[in-house]
């Protein structure tokens, strides 16, 4: 399981490596460069699934057809 992902800000392009929680989804993330508050895209459970280099651990573990919600 991947426990760290790089989040890329869609506004300024800043990249930041972050540890992912193993038992929860992160719904908000503030970009360290431009201070934009990132929220998941429609259909994604968290900011890692929307802007990260890897899906969150709950989504990585979920093998059902619809995925983690």
PDB file of N, CA and C in Angstrom:
ATOM      1  N   UNK A   1       0.844  -1.179   0.000  1.00  0.00           N
ATOM      2  CA  UNK A   1       0.000   0.000   0.000  1.00  0.00           C
ATOM      3  C   UNK A   1       0.894   1.248   0.000  1.00  0.00           C
ATOM      4  N   UNK A   2       0.497   2.231  -0.771  1.00  0.00           N
ATOM      5  CA  UNK A   2       1.208   3.508  -0.841  1.00  0.00           C
ATOM      6  C   UNK A   2       0.679   4.405   0.272  1.00  0.00           C
ATOM      7  N   UNK A   3       1.577   4.948   1.102  1.00  0.00           N
ATOM      8  CA  UNK A   3       1.157   5.759   2.243  1.00  0.00           C
ATOM      9  C   UNK A   3       1.573   7.222   2.118  1.00  0.00           C
ATOM     10  N   UNK A   4       2.213   7.580   1.019  1.00  0.00           N
ATOM     11  CA  UNK A   4       2.591   8.971   0.781  1.00  0.00           C
ATOM     12  C   UNK A   4       2.294   9.299  -0.669  1.00  0.00           C
ATOM     13  N   UNK A   5       1.799  10.500  -0.899  1.00  0.00           N
ATOM     14  CA  UNK A   5       1.488  10.936  -2.258  1.00  0.00           C
ATOM     15  C   UNK A   5       1.885  12.400  -2.411  1.00  0.00           C
ATOM     16  N   UNK A   6       2.171  12.775  -3.637  1.00  0.00           N
ATOM     17  CA  UNK A   6       2.471  14.166  -3.936  1.00  0.00           C
ATOM     18  C   UNK A   6       1.208  14.833  -4.453  1.00  0.00           C
ATOM     19  N   UNK A   7       0.766  15.862  -3.750  1.00  0.00           N
ATOM     20  CA  UNK A   7      -0.411  16.627  -4.160  1.00  0.00           C
ATOM     21  C   UNK A   7       0.060  17.769  -5.049  1.00  0.00           C
ATOM     22  N   UNK A   8      -0.585  17.922  -6.199  1.00  0.00           N
ATOM     23  CA  UNK A   8      -0.278  19.023  -7.117  1.00  0.00           C
ATOM     24  C   UNK A   8      -1.451  19.987  -7.132  1.00  0.00           C
ATOM     25  N   UNK A   9      -1.178  21.239  -6.795  1.00  0.00           N
ATOM     26  CA  UNK A   9      -2.226  22.257  -6.770  1.00  0.00           C
ATOM     27  C   UNK A   9      -2.658  22.573  -8.199  1.00  0.00           C
ATOM     28  N   UNK A  10      -3.955  22.493  -8.493  1.00  0.00           N
ATOM     29  CA  UNK A  10      -4.435  22.783  -9.847  1.00  0.00           C
ATOM     30  C   UNK A  10      -4.374  24.274 -10.192  1.00  0.00           C
ATOM     31  N   UNK A  11      -4.252  25.119  -9.179  1.00  0.00           N
ATOM     32  CA  UNK A  11      -4.218  26.560  -9.412  1.00  0.00           C
ATOM     33  C   UNK A  11      -2.809  27.056  -9.745  1.00  0.00           C
ATOM     34  N   UNK A  12      -1.829  26.697  -8.901  1.00  0.00           N
ATOM     35  CA  UNK A  12      -0.474  27.226  -9.095  1.00  0.00           C
ATOM     36  C   UNK A  12       0.553  26.176  -9.517  1.00  0.00           C
ATOM     37  N   UNK A  13       0.190  24.893  -9.450  1.00  0.00           N
ATOM     38  CA  UNK A  13       1.109  23.838  -9.864  1.00  0.00           C
ATOM     39  C   UNK A  13       2.105  23.408  -8.800  1.00  0.00           C
ATOM     40  N   UNK A  14       2.030  23.979  -7.593  1.00  0.00           N
ATOM     41  CA  UNK A  14       2.936  23.595  -6.510  1.00  0.00           C
ATOM     42  C   UNK A  14       2.735  22.126  -6.164  1.00  0.00           C
ATOM     43  N   UNK A  15       3.842  21.425  -5.926  1.00  0.00           N
ATOM     44  CA  UNK A  15       3.780  20.012  -5.566  1.00  0.00           C
ATOM     45  C   UNK A  15       4.313  19.835  -4.152  1.00  0.00           C
ATOM     46  N   UNK A  16       3.601  19.019  -3.365  1.00  0.00           N
ATOM     47  CA  UNK A  16       3.985  18.796  -1.974  1.00  0.00           C
ATOM     48  C   UNK A  16       3.737  17.342  -1.618  1.00  0.00           C
ATOM     49  N   UNK A  17       4.764  16.660  -1.107  1.00  0.00           N
ATOM     50  CA  UNK A  17       4.605  15.279  -0.644  1.00  0.00           C
ATOM     51  C   UNK A  17       3.924  15.300   0.718  1.00  0.00           C
ATOM     52  N   UNK A  18       2.925  14.451   0.885  1.00  0.00           N
ATOM     53  CA  UNK A  18       2.162  14.383   2.131  1.00  0.00           C
ATOM     54  C   UNK A  18       1.899  12.929   2.500  1.00  0.00           C
ATOM     55  N   UNK A  19       1.921  12.656   3.803  1.00  0.00           N
ATOM     56  CA  UNK A  19       1.526  11.334   4.300  1.00  0.00           C
ATOM     57  C   UNK A  19       0.008  11.244   4.236  1.00  0.00           C
ATOM     58  N   UNK A  20      -0.497  10.087   3.841  1.00  0.00           N
ATOM     59  CA  UNK A  20      -1.947   9.901   3.749  1.00  0.00           C
ATOM     60  C   UNK A  20      -2.447   9.165   4.984  1.00  0.00           C
ATOM     61  N   UNK A  21      -3.576   9.598   5.547  1.00  0.00           N
ATOM     62  CA  UNK A  21      -4.159   8.847   6.658  1.00  0.00           C
ATOM     63  C   UNK A  21      -4.630   7.483   6.152  1.00  0.00           C
ATOM     64  N   UNK A  22      -4.449   6.449   6.964  1.00  0.00           N
ATOM     65  CA  UNK A  22      -4.811   5.102   6.523  1.00  0.00           C
ATOM     66  C   UNK A  22      -6.263   4.752   6.788  1.00  0.00           C
ATOM     67  N   UNK A  23      -6.930   5.528   7.632  1.00  0.00           N
ATOM     68  CA  UNK A  23      -8.291   5.161   8.039  1.00  0.00           C
ATOM     69  C   UNK A  23      -9.325   6.239   7.762  1.00  0.00           C
ATOM     70  N   UNK A  24      -8.960   7.231   6.949  1.00  0.00           N
ATOM     71  CA  UNK A  24      -9.905   8.318   6.683  1.00  0.00           C
ATOM     72  C   UNK A  24      -9.575   8.975   5.345  1.00  0.00           C
ATOM     73  N   UNK A  25     -10.529   9.753   4.854  1.00  0.00           N
ATOM     74  CA  UNK A  25     -10.327  10.522   3.629  1.00  0.00           C
ATOM     75  C   UNK A  25     -10.108  11.984   4.011  1.00  0.00           C
ATOM     76  N   UNK A  26      -9.186  12.646   3.338  1.00  0.00           N
ATOM     77  CA  UNK A  26      -8.884  14.057   3.605  1.00  0.00           C
ATOM     78  C   UNK A  26      -9.722  14.903   2.645  1.00  0.00           C
ATOM     79  N   UNK A  27     -10.668  15.645   3.193  1.00  0.00           N
ATOM     80  CA  UNK A  27     -11.616  16.385   2.368  1.00  0.00           C
ATOM     81  C   UNK A  27     -11.170  17.800   2.029  1.00  0.00           C
ATOM     82  N   UNK A  28     -10.215  18.340   2.770  1.00  0.00           N
ATOM     83  CA  UNK A  28      -9.715  19.690   2.504  1.00  0.00           C
ATOM     84  C   UNK A  28      -8.201  19.699   2.632  1.00  0.00           C
ATOM     85  N   UNK A  29      -7.551  20.492   1.791  1.00  0.00           N
ATOM     86  CA  UNK A  29      -6.093  20.611   1.838  1.00  0.00           C
ATOM     87  C   UNK A  29      -5.718  22.008   1.383  1.00  0.00           C
ATOM     88  N   UNK A  30      -4.922  22.719   2.181  1.00  0.00           N
ATOM     89  CA  UNK A  30      -4.496  24.059   1.823  1.00  0.00           C
ATOM     90  C   UNK A  30      -3.134  24.004   1.144  1.00  0.00           C
ATOM     91  N   UNK A  31      -3.042  24.541  -0.068  1.00  0.00           N
ATOM     92  CA  UNK A  31      -1.783  24.594  -0.805  1.00  0.00           C
ATOM     93  C   UNK A  31      -0.797  25.460  -0.021  1.00  0.00           C
ATOM     94  N   UNK A  32       0.416  24.954   0.173  1.00  0.00           N
ATOM     95  CA  UNK A  32       1.434  25.683   0.929  1.00  0.00           C
ATOM     96  C   UNK A  32       1.938  26.908   0.172  1.00  0.00           C
ATOM     97  N   UNK A  33       1.785  26.939  -1.137  1.00  0.00           N
ATOM     98  CA  UNK A  33       2.301  28.051  -1.940  1.00  0.00           C
ATOM     99  C   UNK A  33       1.280  29.174  -2.120  1.00  0.00           C
ATOM    100  N   UNK A  34       0.098  28.862  -2.649  1.00  0.00           N
ATOM    101  CA  UNK A  34      -0.882  29.911  -2.968  1.00  0.00           C
ATOM    102  C   UNK A  34      -2.025  30.002  -1.959  1.00  0.00           C
ATOM    103  N   UNK A  35      -2.065  29.068  -1.011  1.00  0.00           N
ATOM    104  CA  UNK A  35      -3.091  29.030   0.047  1.00  0.00           C
ATOM    105  C   UNK A  35      -4.492  28.698  -0.463  1.00  0.00           C
ATOM    106  N   UNK A  36      -4.598  28.201  -1.691  1.00  0.00           N
ATOM    107  CA  UNK A  36      -5.893  27.744  -2.207  1.00  0.00           C
ATOM    108  C   UNK A  36      -6.356  26.546  -1.380  1.00  0.00           C
ATOM    109  N   UNK A  37      -7.635  26.537  -0.990  1.00  0.00           N
ATOM    110  CA  UNK A  37      -8.194  25.410  -0.258  1.00  0.00           C
ATOM    111  C   UNK A  37      -8.727  24.404  -1.279  1.00  0.00           C
ATOM    112  N   UNK A  38      -8.060  23.264  -1.378  1.00  0.00           N
ATOM    113  CA  UNK A  38      -8.459  22.232  -2.333  1.00  0.00           C
ATOM    114  C   UNK A  38      -9.538  21.357  -1.726  1.00  0.00           C
ATOM    115  N   UNK A  39     -10.504  20.993  -2.558  1.00  0.00           N
ATOM    116  CA  UNK A  39     -11.589  20.098  -2.182  1.00  0.00           C
ATOM    117  C   UNK A  39     -11.638  18.998  -3.233  1.00  0.00           C
ATOM    118  N   UNK A  40     -12.135  17.821  -2.900  1.00  0.00           N
ATOM    119  CA  UNK A  40     -12.203  16.739  -3.889  1.00  0.00           C
ATOM    120  C   UNK A  40     -13.060  17.121  -5.095  1.00  0.00           C
ATOM    121  N   UNK A  41     -12.673  16.613  -6.263  1.00  0.00           N
ATOM    122  CA  UNK A  41     -13.494  16.779  -7.464  1.00  0.00           C
ATOM    123  C   UNK A  41     -14.741  15.923  -7.311  1.00  0.00           C
ATOM    124  N   UNK A  42     -15.776  16.251  -8.056  1.00  0.00           N
ATOM    125  CA  UNK A  42     -17.020  15.473  -8.029  1.00  0.00           C
ATOM    126  C   UNK A  42     -16.715  14.010  -8.324  1.00  0.00           C
ATOM    127  N   UNK A  43     -17.201  13.129  -7.474  1.00  0.00           N
ATOM    128  CA  UNK A  43     -17.005  11.695  -7.666  1.00  0.00           C
ATOM    129  C   UNK A  43     -15.789  11.135  -6.940  1.00  0.00           C
ATOM    130  N   UNK A  44     -14.895  12.001  -6.456  1.00  0.00           N
ATOM    131  CA  UNK A  44     -13.726  11.546  -5.697  1.00  0.00           C
ATOM    132  C   UNK A  44     -14.016  11.684  -4.207  1.00  0.00           C
ATOM    133  N   UNK A  45     -13.404  10.804  -3.412  1.00  0.00           N
ATOM    134  CA  UNK A  45     -13.681  10.829  -1.975  1.00  0.00           C
ATOM    135  C   UNK A  45     -12.781  11.791  -1.217  1.00  0.00           C
ATOM    136  N   UNK A  46     -11.621  12.163  -1.795  1.00  0.00           N
ATOM    137  CA  UNK A  46     -10.703  13.022  -1.051  1.00  0.00           C
ATOM    138  C   UNK A  46      -9.752  13.755  -1.995  1.00  0.00           C
ATOM    139  N   UNK A  47      -8.947  14.659  -1.417  1.00  0.00           N
ATOM    140  CA  UNK A  47      -8.012  15.442  -2.230  1.00  0.00           C
ATOM    141  C   UNK A  47      -6.891  14.580  -2.809  1.00  0.00           C
ATOM    142  N   UNK A  48      -6.535  13.490  -2.149  1.00  0.00           N
ATOM    143  CA  UNK A  48      -5.509  12.605  -2.707  1.00  0.00           C
ATOM    144  C   UNK A  48      -6.009  11.938  -3.981  1.00  0.00           C
ATOM    145  N   UNK A  49      -7.275  11.534  -3.987  1.00  0.00           N
ATOM    146  CA  UNK A  49      -7.848  10.902  -5.181  1.00  0.00           C
ATOM    147  C   UNK A  49      -7.983  11.902  -6.327  1.00  0.00           C
ATOM    148  N   UNK A  50      -8.169  13.185  -6.004  1.00  0.00           N
ATOM    149  CA  UNK A  50      -8.327  14.206  -7.039  1.00  0.00           C
ATOM    150  C   UNK A  50      -7.004  14.791  -7.519  1.00  0.00           C
ATOM    151  N   UNK A  51      -6.086  15.072  -6.601  1.00  0.00           N
ATOM    152  CA  UNK A  51      -4.879  15.826  -6.949  1.00  0.00           C
ATOM    153  C   UNK A  51      -3.578  15.121  -6.595  1.00  0.00           C
ATOM    154  N   UNK A  52      -3.648  13.930  -6.021  1.00  0.00           N
ATOM    155  CA  UNK A  52      -2.459  13.225  -5.581  1.00  0.00           C
ATOM    156  C   UNK A  52      -1.880  12.278  -6.618  1.00  0.00           C
ATOM    157  N   UNK A  53      -0.647  11.894  -6.383  1.00  0.00           N
ATOM    158  CA  UNK A  53       0.033  10.946  -7.273  1.00  0.00           C
ATOM    159  C   UNK A  53      -0.415   9.508  -7.000  1.00  0.00           C
ATOM    160  N   UNK A  54      -1.204   9.302  -5.928  1.00  0.00           N
ATOM    161  CA  UNK A  54      -1.749   7.981  -5.595  1.00  0.00           C
ATOM    162  C   UNK A  54      -3.112   8.173  -4.946  1.00  0.00           C
ATOM    163  N   UNK A  55      -3.963   7.185  -5.098  1.00  0.00           N
ATOM    164  CA  UNK A  55      -5.268   7.204  -4.435  1.00  0.00           C
ATOM    165  C   UNK A  55      -5.071   7.009  -2.936  1.00  0.00           C
ATOM    166  N   UNK A  56      -6.040   7.431  -2.130  1.00  0.00           N
ATOM    167  CA  UNK A  56      -5.961   7.289  -0.679  1.00  0.00           C
ATOM    168  C   UNK A  56      -5.982   5.805  -0.287  1.00  0.00           C
ATOM    169  N   UNK A  57      -5.427   5.457   0.902  1.00  0.00           N
ATOM    170  CA  UNK A  57      -5.414   4.056   1.324  1.00  0.00           C
ATOM    171  C   UNK A  57      -6.785   3.375   1.346  1.00  0.00           C
ATOM    172  N   UNK A  58      -7.863   4.041   1.839  1.00  0.00           N
ATOM    173  CA  UNK A  58      -9.161   3.356   1.776  1.00  0.00           C
ATOM    174  C   UNK A  58      -9.555   2.994   0.329  1.00  0.00           C
ATOM    175  N   UNK A  59      -9.270   3.856  -0.626  1.00  0.00           N
ATOM    176  CA  UNK A  59      -9.605   3.575  -2.030  1.00  0.00           C
ATOM    177  C   UNK A  59      -8.676   2.480  -2.581  1.00  0.00           C
ATOM    178  N   UNK A  60      -7.409   2.476  -2.155  1.00  0.00           N
ATOM    179  CA  UNK A  60      -6.481   1.440  -2.598  1.00  0.00           C
ATOM    180  C   UNK A  60      -6.940   0.057  -2.138  1.00  0.00           C
ATOM    181  N   UNK A  61      -7.535  -0.014  -0.946  1.00  0.00           N
ATOM    182  CA  UNK A  61      -7.980  -1.298  -0.381  1.00  0.00           C
ATOM    183  C   UNK A  61      -9.323  -1.749  -0.921  1.00  0.00           C
ATOM    184  N   UNK A  62     -10.122  -0.806  -1.401  1.00  0.00           N
ATOM    185  CA  UNK A  62     -11.473  -1.132  -1.849  1.00  0.00           C
ATOM    186  C   UNK A  62     -11.425  -1.812  -3.216  1.00  0.00           C
ATOM    187  N   UNK A  63     -11.948  -3.023  -3.273  1.00  0.00           N
ATOM    188  CA  UNK A  63     -11.942  -3.773  -4.539  1.00  0.00           C
ATOM    189  C   UNK A  63     -13.332  -3.905  -5.135  1.00  0.00           C
ATOM    190  N   UNK A  64     -14.323  -3.223  -4.526  1.00  0.00           N
ATOM    191  CA  UNK A  64     -15.677  -3.301  -5.077  1.00  0.00           C
ATOM    192  C   UNK A  64     -15.760  -2.504  -6.359  1.00  0.00           C
ATOM    193  N   UNK A  65     -16.699  -2.833  -7.254  1.00  0.00           N
ATOM    194  CA  UNK A  65     -16.803  -2.157  -8.556  1.00  0.00           C
ATOM    195  C   UNK A  65     -16.983  -0.642  -8.475  1.00  0.00           C
ATOM    196  N   UNK A  66     -17.746  -0.144  -7.489  1.00  0.00           N
ATOM    197  CA  UNK A  66     -17.996   1.285  -7.377  1.00  0.00           C
ATOM    198  C   UNK A  66     -16.914   2.051  -6.650  1.00  0.00           C
ATOM    199  N   UNK A  67     -16.070   1.358  -5.928  1.00  0.00           N
ATOM    200  CA  UNK A  67     -15.015   2.027  -5.182  1.00  0.00           C
ATOM    201  C   UNK A  67     -15.520   2.612  -3.882  1.00  0.00           C
ATOM    202  N   UNK A  68     -14.609   3.195  -3.128  1.00  0.00           N
ATOM    203  CA  UNK A  68     -14.891   3.779  -1.813  1.00  0.00           C
ATOM    204  C   UNK A  68     -15.680   5.073  -1.959  1.00  0.00           C
ATOM    205  N   UNK A  69     -16.682   5.262  -1.143  1.00  0.00           N
ATOM    206  CA  UNK A  69     -17.446   6.514  -1.150  1.00  0.00           C
ATOM    207  C   UNK A  69     -17.477   7.100   0.209  1.00  0.00           C
TER     208      UNK A  69
END
